[in-house]
Amino acid sequence: MAIYDVGHPAYGVHDIDASLAFYAKLGIHEGFRRTKEDGSLWLLYLHVGGDRFIELFPGGPATNEKGPATSRSYRHLCLLSDDIEADVARLTEAGIVFDTPIKFGSFNNQQAWLSDPDGNSIELMQIEPDSAQGLIGSGKQSTYP
């Protein structure tokens, strides 16, 4: 037995409808939900693709100004893209505002950053074949210098 993958990130969100609308623009839609005995929403899962989900809980705190990343335990959610330029153009057209333009990150992957309605940072990343993730994921290297 071994830990082999990430199950899902889970977030408390302030406005569930705003979060659903935001993630729908990213092409990520509700997969299923659970309610409490009184019929109120307990949680819902957004389906990213395959067996990948994001779990949302209603009743999260109101959106606050972002503090420095070093003062928070949550840093970001990374969503993978196979065509980052097309995805950024499509999402911009859909009204998503990016915090950064597309750039190459420290491990040679292309990335662009945005925030969800609760101010949570999201990295949109395209893994490049010569990046740390690309080389190790393909088995071409076991470590990255």
N, C-alpha and C. Protein backbone atom coordinates (compact mmCIF):
# COMPACT_ATOMS: atom_id res chain seq x y z
N MET A 1 0.84 -1.19 0.00
CA MET A 1 0.00 0.00 0.00
C MET A 1 0.89 1.24 0.00
N ALA A 2 0.47 2.26 -0.76
CA ALA A 2 1.22 3.50 -0.82
C ALA A 2 0.27 4.63 -1.19
N ILE A 3 0.59 5.81 -0.76
CA ILE A 3 -0.15 6.98 -1.21
C ILE A 3 0.28 7.22 -2.65
N TYR A 4 -0.68 7.34 -3.57
CA TYR A 4 -0.33 7.40 -4.98
C TYR A 4 -0.86 8.61 -5.72
N ASP A 5 -1.73 9.42 -5.11
CA ASP A 5 -2.30 10.55 -5.83
C ASP A 5 -3.01 11.47 -4.85
N VAL A 6 -3.43 12.61 -5.32
CA VAL A 6 -4.22 13.55 -4.53
C VAL A 6 -5.69 13.24 -4.76
N GLY A 7 -6.47 13.13 -3.69
CA GLY A 7 -7.90 12.86 -3.84
C GLY A 7 -8.65 14.08 -4.30
N HIS A 8 -8.58 15.15 -3.53
CA HIS A 8 -9.24 16.40 -3.89
C HIS A 8 -8.85 17.49 -2.90
N PRO A 9 -8.82 18.74 -3.34
CA PRO A 9 -8.74 19.84 -2.38
C PRO A 9 -10.16 20.16 -1.92
N ALA A 10 -10.30 20.70 -0.74
CA ALA A 10 -11.62 21.08 -0.21
C ALA A 10 -11.55 22.50 0.32
N TYR A 11 -12.57 23.29 -0.02
CA TYR A 11 -12.60 24.70 0.37
C TYR A 11 -13.95 25.05 0.99
N GLY A 12 -13.91 25.91 1.99
CA GLY A 12 -15.10 26.56 2.48
C GLY A 12 -15.29 27.82 1.66
N VAL A 13 -16.43 27.97 0.99
CA VAL A 13 -16.66 29.12 0.13
C VAL A 13 -17.78 29.99 0.69
N HIS A 14 -17.65 31.28 0.50
CA HIS A 14 -18.62 32.22 1.04
C HIS A 14 -19.93 32.23 0.25
N ASP A 15 -19.85 32.20 -1.06
CA ASP A 15 -21.03 32.27 -1.93
C ASP A 15 -20.96 31.09 -2.90
N ILE A 16 -21.70 30.03 -2.59
CA ILE A 16 -21.63 28.81 -3.39
C ILE A 16 -22.03 29.06 -4.84
N ASP A 17 -23.03 29.92 -5.07
CA ASP A 17 -23.46 30.20 -6.45
C ASP A 17 -22.37 30.93 -7.23
N ALA A 18 -21.69 31.88 -6.59
CA ALA A 18 -20.59 32.58 -7.26
C ALA A 18 -19.46 31.61 -7.58
N SER A 19 -19.19 30.69 -6.67
CA SER A 19 -18.13 29.70 -6.91
C SER A 19 -18.51 28.76 -8.05
N LEU A 20 -19.76 28.30 -8.07
CA LEU A 20 -20.21 27.44 -9.17
C LEU A 20 -20.10 28.15 -10.51
N ALA A 21 -20.49 29.42 -10.56
CA ALA A 21 -20.41 30.19 -11.81
C ALA A 21 -18.96 30.38 -12.24
N PHE A 22 -18.08 30.67 -11.29
CA PHE A 22 -16.66 30.86 -11.59
C PHE A 22 -16.05 29.58 -12.16
N TYR A 23 -16.22 28.47 -11.46
CA TYR A 23 -15.62 27.23 -11.93
C TYR A 23 -16.24 26.76 -13.24
N ALA A 24 -17.52 27.06 -13.47
CA ALA A 24 -18.15 26.72 -14.76
C ALA A 24 -17.44 27.42 -15.90
N LYS A 25 -16.99 28.66 -15.68
CA LYS A 25 -16.23 29.36 -16.72
C LYS A 25 -14.91 28.66 -17.02
N LEU A 26 -14.38 27.95 -16.02
CA LEU A 26 -13.15 27.18 -16.22
C LEU A 26 -13.44 25.83 -16.87
N GLY A 27 -14.72 25.52 -17.07
CA GLY A 27 -15.10 24.23 -17.64
C GLY A 27 -15.21 23.14 -16.59
N ILE A 28 -15.31 23.53 -15.32
CA ILE A 28 -15.41 22.59 -14.21
C ILE A 28 -16.80 22.74 -13.61
N HIS A 29 -17.58 21.64 -13.65
CA HIS A 29 -18.98 21.71 -13.25
C HIS A 29 -19.29 20.77 -12.10
N GLU A 30 -20.42 21.00 -11.47
CA GLU A 30 -20.84 20.18 -10.35
C GLU A 30 -20.98 18.73 -10.78
N GLY A 31 -20.39 17.84 -9.99
CA GLY A 31 -20.51 16.41 -10.24
C GLY A 31 -21.61 15.80 -9.39
N PHE A 32 -21.62 16.13 -8.10
CA PHE A 32 -22.66 15.63 -7.20
C PHE A 32 -22.62 16.46 -5.92
N ARG A 33 -23.67 16.32 -5.13
CA ARG A 33 -23.76 17.06 -3.87
C ARG A 33 -24.41 16.19 -2.81
N ARG A 34 -24.25 16.62 -1.57
CA ARG A 34 -24.89 15.97 -0.43
C ARG A 34 -25.58 17.05 0.39
N THR A 35 -26.73 16.67 0.94
CA THR A 35 -27.47 17.60 1.78
C THR A 35 -27.53 17.06 3.20
N LYS A 36 -27.82 17.96 4.12
CA LYS A 36 -28.01 17.59 5.53
C LYS A 36 -29.42 17.05 5.69
N GLU A 37 -29.72 16.53 6.87
CA GLU A 37 -31.06 15.99 7.14
C GLU A 37 -32.15 17.03 6.94
N ASP A 38 -31.86 18.32 7.19
CA ASP A 38 -32.86 19.38 7.03
C ASP A 38 -33.01 19.82 5.57
N GLY A 39 -32.25 19.20 4.65
CA GLY A 39 -32.34 19.53 3.23
C GLY A 39 -31.36 20.60 2.77
N SER A 40 -30.66 21.23 3.70
CA SER A 40 -29.70 22.26 3.30
C SER A 40 -28.43 21.62 2.75
N LEU A 41 -27.72 22.37 1.95
CA LEU A 41 -26.50 21.86 1.32
C LEU A 41 -25.42 21.61 2.36
N TRP A 42 -24.84 20.44 2.34
CA TRP A 42 -23.72 20.11 3.20
C TRP A 42 -22.41 20.34 2.45
N LEU A 43 -22.30 19.76 1.23
CA LEU A 43 -21.09 19.91 0.42
C LEU A 43 -21.43 19.55 -1.01
N LEU A 44 -20.53 19.95 -1.92
CA LEU A 44 -20.66 19.50 -3.30
C LEU A 44 -19.29 19.27 -3.88
N TYR A 45 -19.25 18.40 -4.86
CA TYR A 45 -18.02 18.10 -5.56
C TYR A 45 -18.11 18.64 -6.99
N LEU A 46 -17.08 19.36 -7.39
CA LEU A 46 -16.94 19.79 -8.77
C LEU A 46 -16.12 18.74 -9.49
N HIS A 47 -16.52 18.38 -10.70
CA HIS A 47 -15.80 17.37 -11.46
C HIS A 47 -14.81 18.04 -12.39
N VAL A 48 -13.52 17.84 -12.14
CA VAL A 48 -12.47 18.41 -12.97
C VAL A 48 -12.28 17.56 -14.22
N GLY A 49 -12.25 16.25 -14.07
CA GLY A 49 -12.07 15.31 -15.16
C GLY A 49 -11.58 13.99 -14.61
N GLY A 50 -11.92 12.90 -15.28
CA GLY A 50 -11.51 11.59 -14.78
C GLY A 50 -11.98 11.39 -13.36
N ASP A 51 -11.04 11.07 -12.47
CA ASP A 51 -11.40 10.91 -11.06
C ASP A 51 -10.91 12.09 -10.23
N ARG A 52 -10.83 13.27 -10.84
CA ARG A 52 -10.36 14.49 -10.17
C ARG A 52 -11.54 15.39 -9.81
N PHE A 53 -11.59 15.81 -8.55
CA PHE A 53 -12.68 16.64 -8.04
C PHE A 53 -12.14 17.76 -7.16
N ILE A 54 -12.95 18.79 -6.99
CA ILE A 54 -12.72 19.85 -6.01
C ILE A 54 -13.96 19.85 -5.12
N GLU A 55 -13.77 19.80 -3.81
CA GLU A 55 -14.88 19.76 -2.87
C GLU A 55 -15.14 21.16 -2.32
N LEU A 56 -16.39 21.60 -2.35
CA LEU A 56 -16.77 22.91 -1.82
C LEU A 56 -17.77 22.76 -0.69
N PHE A 57 -17.53 23.50 0.39
CA PHE A 57 -18.45 23.55 1.52
C PHE A 57 -19.02 24.96 1.61
N PRO A 58 -20.33 25.12 1.69
CA PRO A 58 -20.90 26.46 1.87
C PRO A 58 -20.60 26.97 3.28
N GLY A 59 -20.76 28.28 3.47
CA GLY A 59 -20.58 28.87 4.79
C GLY A 59 -19.16 29.27 5.10
N GLY A 60 -18.32 29.37 4.07
CA GLY A 60 -16.94 29.80 4.29
C GLY A 60 -16.90 31.28 4.66
N PRO A 61 -15.75 31.75 5.07
CA PRO A 61 -15.63 33.16 5.48
C PRO A 61 -15.79 34.11 4.30
N ALA A 62 -16.15 35.33 4.61
CA ALA A 62 -16.24 36.36 3.58
C ALA A 62 -14.86 36.57 2.96
N THR A 63 -14.86 36.94 1.71
CA THR A 63 -13.61 37.19 1.01
C THR A 63 -12.86 38.32 1.69
N ASN A 64 -11.60 38.07 1.95
CA ASN A 64 -10.74 39.08 2.57
C ASN A 64 -9.61 39.40 1.62
N GLU A 65 -8.92 40.48 1.90
CA GLU A 65 -7.72 40.78 1.14
C GLU A 65 -6.72 39.65 1.35
N LYS A 66 -6.00 39.32 0.32
CA LYS A 66 -4.99 38.27 0.45
C LYS A 66 -3.85 38.77 1.32
N GLY A 67 -3.43 37.93 2.24
CA GLY A 67 -2.24 38.23 3.01
C GLY A 67 -1.05 37.65 2.29
N PRO A 68 0.14 37.89 2.79
CA PRO A 68 1.30 37.28 2.16
C PRO A 68 1.21 35.76 2.19
N ALA A 69 1.64 35.10 1.12
CA ALA A 69 1.53 33.64 1.03
C ALA A 69 2.18 32.95 2.22
N THR A 70 3.22 33.54 2.76
CA THR A 70 3.93 32.90 3.87
C THR A 70 3.11 32.93 5.16
N SER A 71 2.01 33.70 5.21
CA SER A 71 1.21 33.76 6.43
C SER A 71 -0.01 32.85 6.35
N ARG A 72 -0.17 32.11 5.24
CA ARG A 72 -1.34 31.25 5.07
C ARG A 72 -0.88 29.82 4.88
N SER A 73 -1.71 28.86 5.34
CA SER A 73 -1.37 27.46 5.08
C SER A 73 -1.79 27.08 3.67
N TYR A 74 -2.88 27.62 3.18
CA TYR A 74 -3.30 27.37 1.80
C TYR A 74 -2.46 28.24 0.89
N ARG A 75 -1.88 27.69 -0.16
CA ARG A 75 -1.08 28.47 -1.10
C ARG A 75 -1.79 28.63 -2.43
N HIS A 76 -2.17 27.52 -3.08
CA HIS A 76 -2.88 27.61 -4.35
C HIS A 76 -3.35 26.24 -4.81
N LEU A 77 -4.25 26.26 -5.78
CA LEU A 77 -4.69 25.07 -6.49
C LEU A 77 -4.08 25.17 -7.88
N CYS A 78 -3.49 24.09 -8.36
CA CYS A 78 -2.91 24.06 -9.71
C CYS A 78 -3.81 23.23 -10.61
N LEU A 79 -4.27 23.85 -11.70
CA LEU A 79 -5.05 23.16 -12.71
C LEU A 79 -4.18 23.03 -13.96
N LEU A 80 -4.15 21.85 -14.55
CA LEU A 80 -3.31 21.61 -15.71
C LEU A 80 -4.04 21.93 -17.01
N SER A 81 -3.30 22.48 -17.95
CA SER A 81 -3.81 22.83 -19.27
C SER A 81 -2.91 22.18 -20.32
N ASP A 82 -3.52 21.72 -21.41
CA ASP A 82 -2.69 21.20 -22.50
C ASP A 82 -2.49 22.24 -23.60
N ASP A 83 -3.11 23.43 -23.45
CA ASP A 83 -2.92 24.55 -24.38
C ASP A 83 -3.22 25.84 -23.61
N ILE A 84 -2.25 26.30 -22.85
CA ILE A 84 -2.46 27.42 -21.93
C ILE A 84 -2.84 28.71 -22.67
N GLU A 85 -2.25 28.96 -23.82
CA GLU A 85 -2.59 30.18 -24.56
C GLU A 85 -4.05 30.18 -24.97
N ALA A 86 -4.54 29.07 -25.50
CA ALA A 86 -5.95 28.98 -25.89
C ALA A 86 -6.86 29.06 -24.67
N ASP A 87 -6.48 28.40 -23.57
CA ASP A 87 -7.31 28.43 -22.37
C ASP A 87 -7.38 29.83 -21.77
N VAL A 88 -6.26 30.53 -21.69
CA VAL A 88 -6.27 31.89 -21.16
C VAL A 88 -7.13 32.80 -22.04
N ALA A 89 -7.02 32.67 -23.34
CA ALA A 89 -7.84 33.48 -24.25
C ALA A 89 -9.32 33.17 -24.07
N ARG A 90 -9.67 31.88 -23.99
CA ARG A 90 -11.07 31.47 -23.81
C ARG A 90 -11.62 31.97 -22.48
N LEU A 91 -10.84 31.83 -21.42
CA LEU A 91 -11.31 32.24 -20.09
C LEU A 91 -11.40 33.76 -19.98
N THR A 92 -10.47 34.47 -20.59
CA THR A 92 -10.54 35.93 -20.60
C THR A 92 -11.80 36.38 -21.31
N GLU A 93 -12.11 35.75 -22.42
CA GLU A 93 -13.34 36.06 -23.17
C GLU A 93 -14.58 35.78 -22.32
N ALA A 94 -14.50 34.78 -21.44
CA ALA A 94 -15.62 34.43 -20.57
C ALA A 94 -15.72 35.34 -19.34
N GLY A 95 -14.79 36.29 -19.21
CA GLY A 95 -14.85 37.24 -18.10
C GLY A 95 -13.93 36.95 -16.94
N ILE A 96 -13.10 35.93 -17.05
CA ILE A 96 -12.13 35.63 -15.99
C ILE A 96 -10.99 36.63 -16.10
N VAL A 97 -10.63 37.23 -14.97
CA VAL A 97 -9.53 38.18 -14.91
C VAL A 97 -8.31 37.45 -14.35
N PHE A 98 -7.21 37.49 -15.09
CA PHE A 98 -5.98 36.83 -14.64
C PHE A 98 -5.15 37.82 -13.83
N ASP A 99 -4.51 37.30 -12.77
CA ASP A 99 -3.64 38.11 -11.93
C ASP A 99 -2.27 38.31 -12.58
N THR A 100 -1.86 37.36 -13.43
CA THR A 100 -0.59 37.46 -14.14
C THR A 100 -0.79 37.01 -15.58
N PRO A 101 0.05 37.49 -16.48
CA PRO A 101 0.03 36.94 -17.84
C PRO A 101 0.72 35.58 -17.85
N ILE A 102 0.66 34.90 -18.97
CA ILE A 102 1.38 33.62 -19.10
C ILE A 102 2.88 33.90 -19.01
N LYS A 103 3.56 33.08 -18.21
CA LYS A 103 5.01 33.21 -18.07
C LYS A 103 5.58 31.83 -17.78
N PHE A 104 6.89 31.71 -17.88
CA PHE A 104 7.54 30.46 -17.52
C PHE A 104 7.91 30.51 -16.04
N GLY A 105 7.57 29.45 -15.30
CA GLY A 105 7.89 29.37 -13.89
C GLY A 105 9.29 28.83 -13.67
N SER A 106 9.64 28.64 -12.41
CA SER A 106 11.01 28.26 -12.05
C SER A 106 11.39 26.86 -12.50
N PHE A 107 10.43 25.99 -12.80
CA PHE A 107 10.74 24.64 -13.29
C PHE A 107 10.46 24.49 -14.77
N ASN A 108 10.37 25.63 -15.49
CA ASN A 108 10.23 25.68 -16.94
C ASN A 108 8.86 25.27 -17.46
N ASN A 109 7.82 25.43 -16.66
CA ASN A 109 6.46 25.22 -17.12
C ASN A 109 5.82 26.58 -17.37
N GLN A 110 4.90 26.64 -18.34
CA GLN A 110 4.15 27.87 -18.55
C GLN A 110 3.04 27.93 -17.50
N GLN A 111 2.79 29.14 -17.00
CA GLN A 111 1.77 29.31 -15.98
C GLN A 111 1.13 30.69 -16.08
N ALA A 112 -0.11 30.76 -15.65
CA ALA A 112 -0.82 32.02 -15.49
C ALA A 112 -1.64 31.88 -14.21
N TRP A 113 -1.81 32.98 -13.49
CA TRP A 113 -2.45 32.94 -12.18
C TRP A 113 -3.75 33.73 -12.19
N LEU A 114 -4.74 33.22 -11.45
CA LEU A 114 -6.03 33.87 -11.27
C LEU A 114 -6.52 33.58 -9.86
N SER A 115 -7.64 34.19 -9.48
CA SER A 115 -8.21 33.98 -8.14
C SER A 115 -9.68 33.66 -8.26
N ASP A 116 -10.17 32.77 -7.39
CA ASP A 116 -11.60 32.46 -7.38
C ASP A 116 -12.35 33.54 -6.61
N PRO A 117 -13.68 33.48 -6.54
CA PRO A 117 -14.44 34.53 -5.86
C PRO A 117 -14.09 34.72 -4.38
N ASP A 118 -13.49 33.70 -3.75
CA ASP A 118 -13.10 33.82 -2.34
C ASP A 118 -11.66 34.27 -2.19
N GLY A 119 -11.01 34.61 -3.30
CA GLY A 119 -9.63 35.09 -3.23
C GLY A 119 -8.58 34.00 -3.21
N ASN A 120 -8.99 32.73 -3.40
CA ASN A 120 -8.03 31.63 -3.42
C ASN A 120 -7.25 31.65 -4.74
N SER A 121 -5.95 31.54 -4.65
CA SER A 121 -5.09 31.57 -5.83
C SER A 121 -5.20 30.26 -6.60
N ILE A 122 -5.25 30.39 -7.93
CA ILE A 122 -5.29 29.24 -8.83
C ILE A 122 -4.19 29.43 -9.86
N GLU A 123 -3.37 28.41 -10.02
CA GLU A 123 -2.33 28.40 -11.04
C GLU A 123 -2.84 27.55 -12.20
N LEU A 124 -2.88 28.11 -13.38
CA LEU A 124 -3.15 27.36 -14.59
C LEU A 124 -1.78 27.03 -15.18
N MET A 125 -1.47 25.74 -15.35
CA MET A 125 -0.11 25.35 -15.73
C MET A 125 -0.12 24.39 -16.91
N GLN A 126 0.78 24.63 -17.83
CA GLN A 126 1.04 23.70 -18.93
C GLN A 126 2.40 23.07 -18.69
N ILE A 127 2.41 21.76 -18.49
CA ILE A 127 3.67 21.06 -18.23
C ILE A 127 4.44 20.93 -19.54
N GLU A 128 5.67 21.40 -19.52
CA GLU A 128 6.54 21.33 -20.69
C GLU A 128 7.38 20.05 -20.62
N PRO A 129 7.69 19.43 -21.78
CA PRO A 129 8.45 18.18 -21.78
C PRO A 129 9.80 18.28 -21.07
N ASP A 130 10.45 19.45 -21.11
CA ASP A 130 11.77 19.59 -20.49
C ASP A 130 11.71 20.17 -19.08
N SER A 131 10.51 20.24 -18.49
CA SER A 131 10.38 20.74 -17.12
C SER A 131 10.65 19.61 -16.13
N ALA A 132 10.78 19.96 -14.86
CA ALA A 132 10.97 18.95 -13.82
C ALA A 132 9.83 17.94 -13.85
N GLN A 133 8.59 18.42 -13.91
CA GLN A 133 7.43 17.53 -13.92
C GLN A 133 7.40 16.69 -15.19
N GLY A 134 7.73 17.30 -16.34
CA GLY A 134 7.72 16.58 -17.60
C GLY A 134 8.79 15.50 -17.67
N LEU A 135 10.00 15.82 -17.24
CA LEU A 135 11.10 14.86 -17.29
C LEU A 135 10.90 13.70 -16.31
N ILE A 136 10.48 14.01 -15.09
CA ILE A 136 10.28 12.96 -14.09
C ILE A 136 9.01 12.16 -14.42
N GLY A 137 7.94 12.87 -14.81
CA GLY A 137 6.68 12.18 -15.15
C GLY A 137 6.81 11.24 -16.33
N SER A 138 7.68 11.56 -17.28
CA SER A 138 7.88 10.70 -18.46
C SER A 138 8.88 9.58 -18.20
N GLY A 139 9.54 9.63 -17.05
CA GLY A 139 10.53 8.61 -16.72
C GLY A 139 11.92 8.90 -17.30
N LYS A 140 12.09 10.06 -17.93
CA LYS A 140 13.39 10.39 -18.53
C LYS A 140 14.43 10.75 -17.49
N GLN A 141 13.99 11.19 -16.33
CA GLN A 141 14.88 11.50 -15.21
C GLN A 141 14.21 11.06 -13.93
N SER A 142 15.00 10.73 -12.92
CA SER A 142 14.43 10.36 -11.63
C SER A 142 14.51 11.51 -10.64
N THR A 143 15.37 12.48 -10.92
CA THR A 143 15.47 13.69 -10.10
C THR A 143 15.66 14.87 -11.04
N TYR A 144 15.49 16.05 -10.51
CA TYR A 144 15.69 17.27 -11.30
C TYR A 144 16.76 18.11 -10.62
N PRO A 145 17.75 18.55 -11.40
CA PRO A 145 18.85 19.32 -10.75
C PRO A 145 18.35 20.59 -10.09
